[in-house]
Amino acid sequence: MKRVKGYIGHVKIDKEGKVVESNVDNADEIAKILKFNVEKGNQEAKELGFNKINGFAMFGSTKSLTFMKDTALLVDNKKADWQELFTTYTYMKSWLIGGIALLVLSLILYYLAIFTSYMDYFAPEPRFYTPTILLLISIFMIVLSKSKYSYRL
């Protein structure tokens, strides 16, 4: 959470609206505000046909309060990057796992090509082609696995 630009503090609450974790002075007061706004927002969401609200933001003149996933963040308006605050990049696990598996396979094949005689039936250069191609594909997959853009809400 501290990686967010303009971060001042945070308050985590449970389902009943009690403070679980906080690093701000008036955490109980903020928890009451959050509980009221979540209840009111959920009522309005049900009137509009939704199950519940996922989060909200309250803007002040110098500081703002954002709430998502049972955590409220206090941020400085002048320093905050609002797109960074509400969105994040996530990893596509299948690409990441596939890239790591190919990387391990490539390293094993390099080991076999250099230190053992298992790949001697290839000419000297071609025994490095397969591990090199696998290494390039694995690096490509690992780099592209961090491309799924999602909301923090």
N, C-alpha and C. Protein backbone atom coordinates (compact mmCIF):
# COMPACT_ATOMS: atom_id res chain seq x y z
N MET A 1 0.81 -1.20 0.00
CA MET A 1 0.00 0.00 0.00
C MET A 1 0.86 1.26 0.00
N LYS A 2 2.01 1.19 0.61
CA LYS A 2 2.85 2.37 0.68
C LYS A 2 3.45 2.74 -0.67
N ARG A 3 3.33 1.86 -1.66
CA ARG A 3 3.86 2.15 -2.99
C ARG A 3 2.97 3.13 -3.74
N VAL A 4 1.76 3.36 -3.27
CA VAL A 4 0.83 4.27 -3.93
C VAL A 4 1.31 5.70 -3.72
N LYS A 5 1.35 6.48 -4.79
CA LYS A 5 1.79 7.87 -4.68
C LYS A 5 0.81 8.66 -3.83
N GLY A 6 1.32 9.49 -2.95
CA GLY A 6 0.49 10.32 -2.10
C GLY A 6 -0.04 9.60 -0.88
N TYR A 7 0.45 8.41 -0.59
CA TYR A 7 -0.03 7.60 0.53
C TYR A 7 0.22 8.32 1.85
N ILE A 8 -0.83 8.43 2.66
CA ILE A 8 -0.72 9.02 4.00
C ILE A 8 -0.89 7.95 5.06
N GLY A 9 -1.87 7.09 4.89
CA GLY A 9 -2.12 6.03 5.85
C GLY A 9 -3.23 5.12 5.36
N HIS A 10 -3.53 4.10 6.16
CA HIS A 10 -4.59 3.17 5.79
C HIS A 10 -5.32 2.69 7.04
N VAL A 11 -6.55 2.22 6.82
CA VAL A 11 -7.37 1.64 7.88
C VAL A 11 -8.03 0.39 7.29
N LYS A 12 -7.80 -0.76 7.92
CA LYS A 12 -8.48 -1.99 7.52
C LYS A 12 -9.60 -2.25 8.52
N ILE A 13 -10.77 -2.60 8.00
CA ILE A 13 -11.90 -2.90 8.86
C ILE A 13 -12.43 -4.29 8.56
N ASP A 14 -13.17 -4.85 9.54
CA ASP A 14 -13.80 -6.15 9.31
C ASP A 14 -15.23 -5.94 8.84
N LYS A 15 -15.99 -7.01 8.72
CA LYS A 15 -17.37 -6.91 8.20
C LYS A 15 -18.29 -6.11 9.10
N GLU A 16 -17.99 -6.07 10.41
CA GLU A 16 -18.83 -5.31 11.35
C GLU A 16 -18.44 -3.84 11.42
N GLY A 17 -17.38 -3.44 10.77
CA GLY A 17 -16.96 -2.05 10.78
C GLY A 17 -15.97 -1.72 11.89
N LYS A 18 -15.37 -2.73 12.51
CA LYS A 18 -14.38 -2.51 13.56
C LYS A 18 -12.99 -2.47 12.94
N VAL A 19 -12.13 -1.65 13.53
CA VAL A 19 -10.77 -1.48 13.00
C VAL A 19 -9.94 -2.74 13.27
N VAL A 20 -9.35 -3.27 12.21
CA VAL A 20 -8.48 -4.44 12.33
C VAL A 20 -7.02 -4.00 12.35
N GLU A 21 -6.67 -3.08 11.47
CA GLU A 21 -5.30 -2.59 11.35
C GLU A 21 -5.35 -1.14 10.92
N SER A 22 -4.45 -0.33 11.48
CA SER A 22 -4.45 1.08 11.12
C SER A 22 -3.10 1.70 11.44
N ASN A 23 -2.76 2.75 10.71
CA ASN A 23 -1.58 3.53 11.04
C ASN A 23 -1.90 5.02 11.02
N VAL A 24 -3.16 5.37 11.31
CA VAL A 24 -3.59 6.76 11.43
C VAL A 24 -4.17 6.97 12.82
N ASP A 25 -4.22 8.23 13.25
CA ASP A 25 -4.65 8.54 14.61
C ASP A 25 -6.14 8.34 14.84
N ASN A 26 -6.97 8.81 13.94
CA ASN A 26 -8.43 8.77 14.13
C ASN A 26 -9.07 7.60 13.39
N ALA A 27 -8.56 6.41 13.61
CA ALA A 27 -9.02 5.23 12.87
C ALA A 27 -10.47 4.87 13.21
N ASP A 28 -10.88 5.01 14.47
CA ASP A 28 -12.25 4.66 14.84
C ASP A 28 -13.26 5.59 14.17
N GLU A 29 -12.92 6.86 14.08
CA GLU A 29 -13.80 7.83 13.41
C GLU A 29 -13.92 7.50 11.92
N ILE A 30 -12.81 7.16 11.31
CA ILE A 30 -12.82 6.79 9.89
C ILE A 30 -13.62 5.51 9.69
N ALA A 31 -13.50 4.56 10.62
CA ALA A 31 -14.25 3.30 10.51
C ALA A 31 -15.76 3.55 10.57
N LYS A 32 -16.20 4.48 11.43
CA LYS A 32 -17.63 4.82 11.49
C LYS A 32 -18.10 5.42 10.17
N ILE A 33 -17.30 6.32 9.61
CA ILE A 33 -17.64 6.93 8.32
C ILE A 33 -17.73 5.86 7.24
N LEU A 34 -16.76 4.96 7.23
CA LEU A 34 -16.74 3.88 6.23
C LEU A 34 -17.96 2.98 6.37
N LYS A 35 -18.27 2.59 7.62
CA LYS A 35 -19.41 1.69 7.84
C LYS A 35 -20.70 2.34 7.36
N PHE A 36 -20.91 3.61 7.68
CA PHE A 36 -22.11 4.32 7.25
C PHE A 36 -22.18 4.39 5.73
N ASN A 37 -21.06 4.76 5.09
CA ASN A 37 -21.05 4.90 3.63
C ASN A 37 -21.21 3.57 2.91
N VAL A 38 -20.66 2.50 3.46
CA VAL A 38 -20.83 1.18 2.84
C VAL A 38 -22.28 0.74 2.95
N GLU A 39 -22.91 0.93 4.12
CA GLU A 39 -24.33 0.56 4.29
C GLU A 39 -25.21 1.36 3.35
N LYS A 40 -24.99 2.67 3.29
CA LYS A 40 -25.77 3.53 2.41
C LYS A 40 -25.54 3.17 0.94
N GLY A 41 -24.27 2.93 0.58
CA GLY A 41 -23.95 2.58 -0.79
C GLY A 41 -24.55 1.24 -1.20
N ASN A 42 -24.56 0.27 -0.28
CA ASN A 42 -25.17 -1.03 -0.59
C ASN A 42 -26.68 -0.91 -0.75
N GLN A 43 -27.32 -0.05 0.03
CA GLN A 43 -28.76 0.19 -0.15
C GLN A 43 -29.04 0.77 -1.53
N GLU A 44 -28.26 1.77 -1.90
CA GLU A 44 -28.45 2.40 -3.21
C GLU A 44 -28.13 1.42 -4.34
N ALA A 45 -27.12 0.58 -4.14
CA ALA A 45 -26.76 -0.41 -5.16
C ALA A 45 -27.90 -1.41 -5.36
N LYS A 46 -28.54 -1.84 -4.28
CA LYS A 46 -29.66 -2.78 -4.39
C LYS A 46 -30.85 -2.14 -5.06
N GLU A 47 -31.07 -0.83 -4.80
CA GLU A 47 -32.16 -0.12 -5.48
C GLU A 47 -31.91 -0.05 -6.98
N LEU A 48 -30.65 -0.01 -7.36
CA LEU A 48 -30.30 0.07 -8.78
C LEU A 48 -30.16 -1.31 -9.43
N GLY A 49 -30.30 -2.37 -8.63
CA GLY A 49 -30.26 -3.71 -9.18
C GLY A 49 -28.92 -4.42 -9.05
N PHE A 50 -27.99 -3.87 -8.27
CA PHE A 50 -26.69 -4.51 -8.06
C PHE A 50 -26.68 -5.20 -6.70
N ASN A 51 -25.75 -6.13 -6.51
CA ASN A 51 -25.65 -6.83 -5.23
C ASN A 51 -25.05 -5.97 -4.15
N LYS A 52 -23.95 -5.29 -4.45
CA LYS A 52 -23.26 -4.45 -3.47
C LYS A 52 -22.31 -3.52 -4.20
N ILE A 53 -21.76 -2.56 -3.44
CA ILE A 53 -20.72 -1.69 -4.02
C ILE A 53 -19.37 -2.32 -3.73
N ASN A 54 -18.43 -2.10 -4.61
CA ASN A 54 -17.09 -2.65 -4.41
C ASN A 54 -16.14 -1.65 -3.77
N GLY A 55 -16.42 -0.38 -3.89
CA GLY A 55 -15.56 0.63 -3.32
C GLY A 55 -16.08 2.01 -3.64
N PHE A 56 -15.47 3.00 -3.01
CA PHE A 56 -15.85 4.38 -3.27
C PHE A 56 -14.70 5.30 -2.90
N ALA A 57 -14.82 6.56 -3.26
CA ALA A 57 -13.82 7.57 -2.94
C ALA A 57 -14.53 8.80 -2.41
N MET A 58 -13.96 9.40 -1.40
CA MET A 58 -14.45 10.66 -0.83
C MET A 58 -13.33 11.69 -1.01
N PHE A 59 -13.60 12.74 -1.76
CA PHE A 59 -12.58 13.72 -2.09
C PHE A 59 -12.70 14.92 -1.16
N GLY A 60 -11.60 15.34 -0.58
CA GLY A 60 -11.53 16.54 0.22
C GLY A 60 -10.70 17.58 -0.50
N SER A 61 -10.49 18.71 0.14
CA SER A 61 -9.72 19.78 -0.51
C SER A 61 -8.23 19.46 -0.56
N THR A 62 -7.69 18.81 0.47
CA THR A 62 -6.26 18.47 0.46
C THR A 62 -6.01 16.97 0.55
N LYS A 63 -6.93 16.24 1.20
CA LYS A 63 -6.77 14.79 1.36
C LYS A 63 -8.03 14.09 0.90
N SER A 64 -7.87 12.84 0.51
CA SER A 64 -9.02 12.04 0.08
C SER A 64 -8.96 10.68 0.73
N LEU A 65 -10.12 10.05 0.78
CA LEU A 65 -10.27 8.73 1.37
C LEU A 65 -10.84 7.79 0.32
N THR A 66 -10.16 6.72 0.04
CA THR A 66 -10.67 5.73 -0.90
C THR A 66 -10.87 4.42 -0.16
N PHE A 67 -11.90 3.69 -0.53
CA PHE A 67 -12.23 2.44 0.15
C PHE A 67 -12.43 1.34 -0.87
N MET A 68 -11.72 0.22 -0.69
CA MET A 68 -11.88 -0.94 -1.55
C MET A 68 -11.36 -2.17 -0.81
N LYS A 69 -12.10 -3.27 -0.93
CA LYS A 69 -11.73 -4.55 -0.32
C LYS A 69 -11.42 -4.42 1.17
N ASP A 70 -12.33 -3.82 1.93
CA ASP A 70 -12.22 -3.67 3.39
C ASP A 70 -11.01 -2.86 3.83
N THR A 71 -10.44 -2.05 2.95
CA THR A 71 -9.29 -1.22 3.29
C THR A 71 -9.53 0.19 2.78
N ALA A 72 -9.31 1.14 3.68
CA ALA A 72 -9.42 2.55 3.30
C ALA A 72 -8.02 3.14 3.21
N LEU A 73 -7.75 3.85 2.14
CA LEU A 73 -6.47 4.52 1.97
C LEU A 73 -6.68 6.01 2.06
N LEU A 74 -5.85 6.68 2.82
CA LEU A 74 -5.84 8.13 2.87
C LEU A 74 -4.71 8.62 1.99
N VAL A 75 -5.00 9.50 1.06
CA VAL A 75 -4.00 9.98 0.11
C VAL A 75 -4.01 11.50 0.05
N ASP A 76 -2.87 12.06 -0.31
CA ASP A 76 -2.74 13.49 -0.54
C ASP A 76 -3.16 13.79 -1.97
N ASN A 77 -4.10 14.72 -2.15
CA ASN A 77 -4.65 14.99 -3.48
C ASN A 77 -3.60 15.47 -4.47
N LYS A 78 -2.62 16.23 -4.01
CA LYS A 78 -1.65 16.80 -4.94
C LYS A 78 -0.66 15.76 -5.44
N LYS A 79 -0.41 14.73 -4.66
CA LYS A 79 0.58 13.72 -5.03
C LYS A 79 -0.05 12.45 -5.60
N ALA A 80 -1.32 12.24 -5.37
CA ALA A 80 -1.96 10.96 -5.73
C ALA A 80 -2.10 10.81 -7.24
N ASP A 81 -1.86 9.61 -7.70
CA ASP A 81 -2.11 9.23 -9.09
C ASP A 81 -3.36 8.35 -9.06
N TRP A 82 -4.49 8.88 -9.52
CA TRP A 82 -5.77 8.21 -9.34
C TRP A 82 -5.87 6.95 -10.17
N GLN A 83 -5.24 6.92 -11.32
CA GLN A 83 -5.27 5.69 -12.12
C GLN A 83 -4.50 4.58 -11.41
N GLU A 84 -3.36 4.93 -10.84
CA GLU A 84 -2.57 3.94 -10.09
C GLU A 84 -3.31 3.47 -8.84
N LEU A 85 -4.07 4.34 -8.26
CA LEU A 85 -4.77 4.01 -7.03
C LEU A 85 -5.88 2.99 -7.24
N PHE A 86 -6.60 3.08 -8.36
CA PHE A 86 -7.74 2.20 -8.59
C PHE A 86 -7.45 1.04 -9.53
N THR A 87 -6.33 1.06 -10.22
CA THR A 87 -6.02 -0.02 -11.15
C THR A 87 -4.64 -0.58 -10.86
N THR A 88 -4.41 -1.78 -11.32
CA THR A 88 -3.11 -2.43 -11.12
C THR A 88 -2.88 -3.46 -12.22
N TYR A 89 -1.65 -3.82 -12.42
CA TYR A 89 -1.33 -4.90 -13.35
C TYR A 89 -1.24 -6.20 -12.55
N THR A 90 -1.76 -7.27 -13.11
CA THR A 90 -1.67 -8.56 -12.46
C THR A 90 -0.97 -9.54 -13.40
N TYR A 91 -0.56 -10.65 -12.85
CA TYR A 91 0.13 -11.66 -13.64
C TYR A 91 -0.86 -12.69 -14.15
N MET A 92 -0.69 -13.08 -15.43
CA MET A 92 -1.44 -14.20 -15.96
C MET A 92 -0.69 -15.46 -15.54
N LYS A 93 -1.27 -16.18 -14.62
CA LYS A 93 -0.56 -17.29 -13.98
C LYS A 93 -0.16 -18.38 -14.96
N SER A 94 -0.99 -18.67 -15.94
CA SER A 94 -0.66 -19.73 -16.89
C SER A 94 0.59 -19.38 -17.69
N TRP A 95 0.72 -18.13 -18.12
CA TRP A 95 1.90 -17.71 -18.86
C TRP A 95 3.13 -17.71 -17.95
N LEU A 96 2.97 -17.27 -16.73
CA LEU A 96 4.09 -17.23 -15.80
C LEU A 96 4.59 -18.64 -15.48
N ILE A 97 3.68 -19.55 -15.20
CA ILE A 97 4.06 -20.94 -14.88
C ILE A 97 4.68 -21.60 -16.12
N GLY A 98 4.08 -21.39 -17.29
CA GLY A 98 4.64 -21.94 -18.52
C GLY A 98 6.03 -21.41 -18.82
N GLY A 99 6.23 -20.11 -18.62
CA GLY A 99 7.54 -19.51 -18.84
C GLY A 99 8.59 -20.05 -17.89
N ILE A 100 8.22 -20.22 -16.62
CA ILE A 100 9.16 -20.76 -15.64
C ILE A 100 9.49 -22.22 -15.96
N ALA A 101 8.48 -23.00 -16.37
CA ALA A 101 8.71 -24.41 -16.73
C ALA A 101 9.66 -24.51 -17.93
N LEU A 102 9.44 -23.68 -18.94
CA LEU A 102 10.34 -23.70 -20.10
C LEU A 102 11.75 -23.23 -19.74
N LEU A 103 11.84 -22.28 -18.82
CA LEU A 103 13.15 -21.82 -18.37
C LEU A 103 13.91 -22.95 -17.67
N VAL A 104 13.23 -23.68 -16.80
CA VAL A 104 13.87 -24.81 -16.11
C VAL A 104 14.28 -25.88 -17.11
N LEU A 105 13.40 -26.19 -18.06
CA LEU A 105 13.72 -27.18 -19.08
C LEU A 105 14.93 -26.74 -19.91
N SER A 106 14.98 -25.47 -20.25
CA SER A 106 16.09 -24.93 -21.02
C SER A 106 17.40 -25.05 -20.23
N LEU A 107 17.38 -24.74 -18.95
CA LEU A 107 18.59 -24.84 -18.14
C LEU A 107 19.05 -26.30 -18.01
N ILE A 108 18.09 -27.22 -17.88
CA ILE A 108 18.44 -28.64 -17.83
C ILE A 108 19.08 -29.08 -19.14
N LEU A 109 18.52 -28.66 -20.27
CA LEU A 109 19.10 -29.02 -21.57
C LEU A 109 20.48 -28.40 -21.77
N TYR A 110 20.69 -27.16 -21.29
CA TYR A 110 22.03 -26.57 -21.35
C TYR A 110 23.02 -27.40 -20.53
N TYR A 111 22.59 -27.82 -19.35
CA TYR A 111 23.45 -28.65 -18.51
C TYR A 111 23.80 -29.95 -19.22
N LEU A 112 22.78 -30.59 -19.80
CA LEU A 112 23.02 -31.84 -20.52
C LEU A 112 23.95 -31.64 -21.72
N ALA A 113 23.81 -30.52 -22.41
CA ALA A 113 24.63 -30.26 -23.60
C ALA A 113 26.08 -29.95 -23.25
N ILE A 114 26.30 -29.31 -22.12
CA ILE A 114 27.66 -28.86 -21.78
C ILE A 114 28.41 -29.89 -20.93
N PHE A 115 27.78 -30.42 -19.92
CA PHE A 115 28.50 -31.21 -18.93
C PHE A 115 28.32 -32.73 -19.04
N THR A 116 27.43 -33.19 -19.89
CA THR A 116 27.23 -34.64 -20.02
C THR A 116 27.36 -35.04 -21.49
N SER A 117 27.31 -36.34 -21.72
CA SER A 117 27.43 -36.83 -23.09
C SER A 117 26.08 -37.25 -23.67
N TYR A 118 24.99 -36.89 -23.02
CA TYR A 118 23.67 -37.31 -23.50
C TYR A 118 23.29 -36.67 -24.84
N MET A 119 23.79 -35.51 -25.12
CA MET A 119 23.42 -34.83 -26.36
C MET A 119 24.56 -34.82 -27.38
N ASP A 120 25.50 -35.76 -27.26
CA ASP A 120 26.63 -35.81 -28.18
C ASP A 120 26.25 -36.26 -29.58
N TYR A 121 25.09 -36.88 -29.74
CA TYR A 121 24.69 -37.32 -31.09
C TYR A 121 24.34 -36.13 -31.97
N PHE A 122 24.14 -34.91 -31.37
CA PHE A 122 23.98 -33.69 -32.17
C PHE A 122 25.38 -33.17 -32.50
N ALA A 123 25.48 -32.41 -33.57
CA ALA A 123 26.73 -31.71 -33.86
C ALA A 123 26.95 -30.67 -32.75
N PRO A 124 28.15 -30.13 -32.63
CA PRO A 124 28.42 -29.21 -31.51
C PRO A 124 27.47 -28.02 -31.41
N GLU A 125 27.13 -27.39 -32.53
CA GLU A 125 26.27 -26.22 -32.44
C GLU A 125 24.79 -26.57 -32.25
N PRO A 126 24.22 -27.53 -32.99
CA PRO A 126 22.79 -27.79 -32.86
C PRO A 126 22.35 -28.23 -31.47
N ARG A 127 23.24 -28.77 -30.66
CA ARG A 127 22.79 -29.16 -29.32
C ARG A 127 22.48 -27.95 -28.44
N PHE A 128 22.91 -26.76 -28.86
CA PHE A 128 22.57 -25.54 -28.13
C PHE A 128 21.37 -24.82 -28.72
N TYR A 129 20.91 -25.23 -29.89
CA TYR A 129 19.77 -24.56 -30.52
C TYR A 129 18.48 -24.72 -29.71
N THR A 130 18.15 -25.93 -29.36
CA THR A 130 16.89 -26.18 -28.63
C THR A 130 16.87 -25.45 -27.29
N PRO A 131 17.91 -25.54 -26.45
CA PRO A 131 17.85 -24.81 -25.18
C PRO A 131 17.80 -23.29 -25.38
N THR A 132 18.46 -22.80 -26.41
CA THR A 132 18.44 -21.35 -26.66
C THR A 132 17.05 -20.89 -27.09
N ILE A 133 16.42 -21.65 -27.96
CA ILE A 133 15.07 -21.30 -28.40
C ILE A 133 14.10 -21.36 -27.22
N LEU A 134 14.22 -22.42 -26.40
CA LEU A 134 13.37 -22.52 -25.21
C LEU A 134 13.62 -21.38 -24.24
N LEU A 135 14.87 -20.97 -24.09
CA LEU A 135 15.21 -19.86 -23.20
C LEU A 135 14.57 -18.57 -23.69
N LEU A 136 14.65 -18.31 -24.99
CA LEU A 136 14.04 -17.09 -25.54
C LEU A 136 12.52 -17.11 -25.38
N ILE A 137 11.89 -18.25 -25.64
CA ILE A 137 10.44 -18.35 -25.48
C ILE A 137 10.05 -18.17 -24.02
N SER A 138 10.82 -18.75 -23.10
CA SER A 138 10.49 -18.63 -21.68
C SER A 138 10.61 -17.18 -21.20
N ILE A 139 11.65 -16.49 -21.62
CA ILE A 139 11.80 -15.08 -21.23
C ILE A 139 10.66 -14.26 -21.80
N PHE A 140 10.29 -14.51 -23.05
CA PHE A 140 9.16 -13.83 -23.68
C PHE A 140 7.87 -14.06 -22.89
N MET A 141 7.63 -15.31 -22.50
CA MET A 141 6.40 -15.63 -21.75
C MET A 141 6.40 -15.00 -20.36
N ILE A 142 7.54 -14.99 -19.68
CA ILE A 142 7.61 -14.39 -18.34
C ILE A 142 7.38 -12.89 -18.41
N VAL A 143 7.97 -12.24 -19.41
CA VAL A 143 7.79 -10.79 -19.55
C VAL A 143 6.34 -10.45 -19.88
N LEU A 144 5.71 -11.21 -20.77
CA LEU A 144 4.33 -10.92 -21.16
C LEU A 144 3.29 -11.36 -20.14
N SER A 145 3.71 -12.11 -19.13
CA SER A 145 2.72 -12.55 -18.13
C SER A 145 2.23 -11.39 -17.27
N LYS A 146 2.98 -10.30 -17.20
CA LYS A 146 2.56 -9.14 -16.42
C LYS A 146 1.85 -8.14 -17.33
N SER A 147 0.72 -8.55 -17.87
CA SER A 147 0.06 -7.65 -18.80
C SER A 147 -1.44 -7.55 -18.57
N LYS A 148 -1.97 -8.29 -17.64
CA LYS A 148 -3.42 -8.25 -17.43
C LYS A 148 -3.74 -7.06 -16.53
N TYR A 149 -4.51 -6.13 -17.04
CA TYR A 149 -4.85 -4.90 -16.35
C TYR A 149 -6.17 -5.09 -15.61
N SER A 150 -6.20 -4.83 -14.31
CA SER A 150 -7.43 -5.06 -13.56
C SER A 150 -7.65 -3.95 -12.54
N TYR A 151 -8.86 -3.88 -12.05
CA TYR A 151 -9.21 -2.90 -11.03
C TYR A 151 -8.94 -3.45 -9.65
N ARG A 152 -8.50 -2.60 -8.74
CA ARG A 152 -8.25 -3.01 -7.36
C ARG A 152 -9.55 -3.28 -6.61
N LEU A 153 -10.65 -2.73 -7.12
CA LEU A 153 -11.92 -2.90 -6.42
C LEU A 153 -12.30 -4.31 -6.44
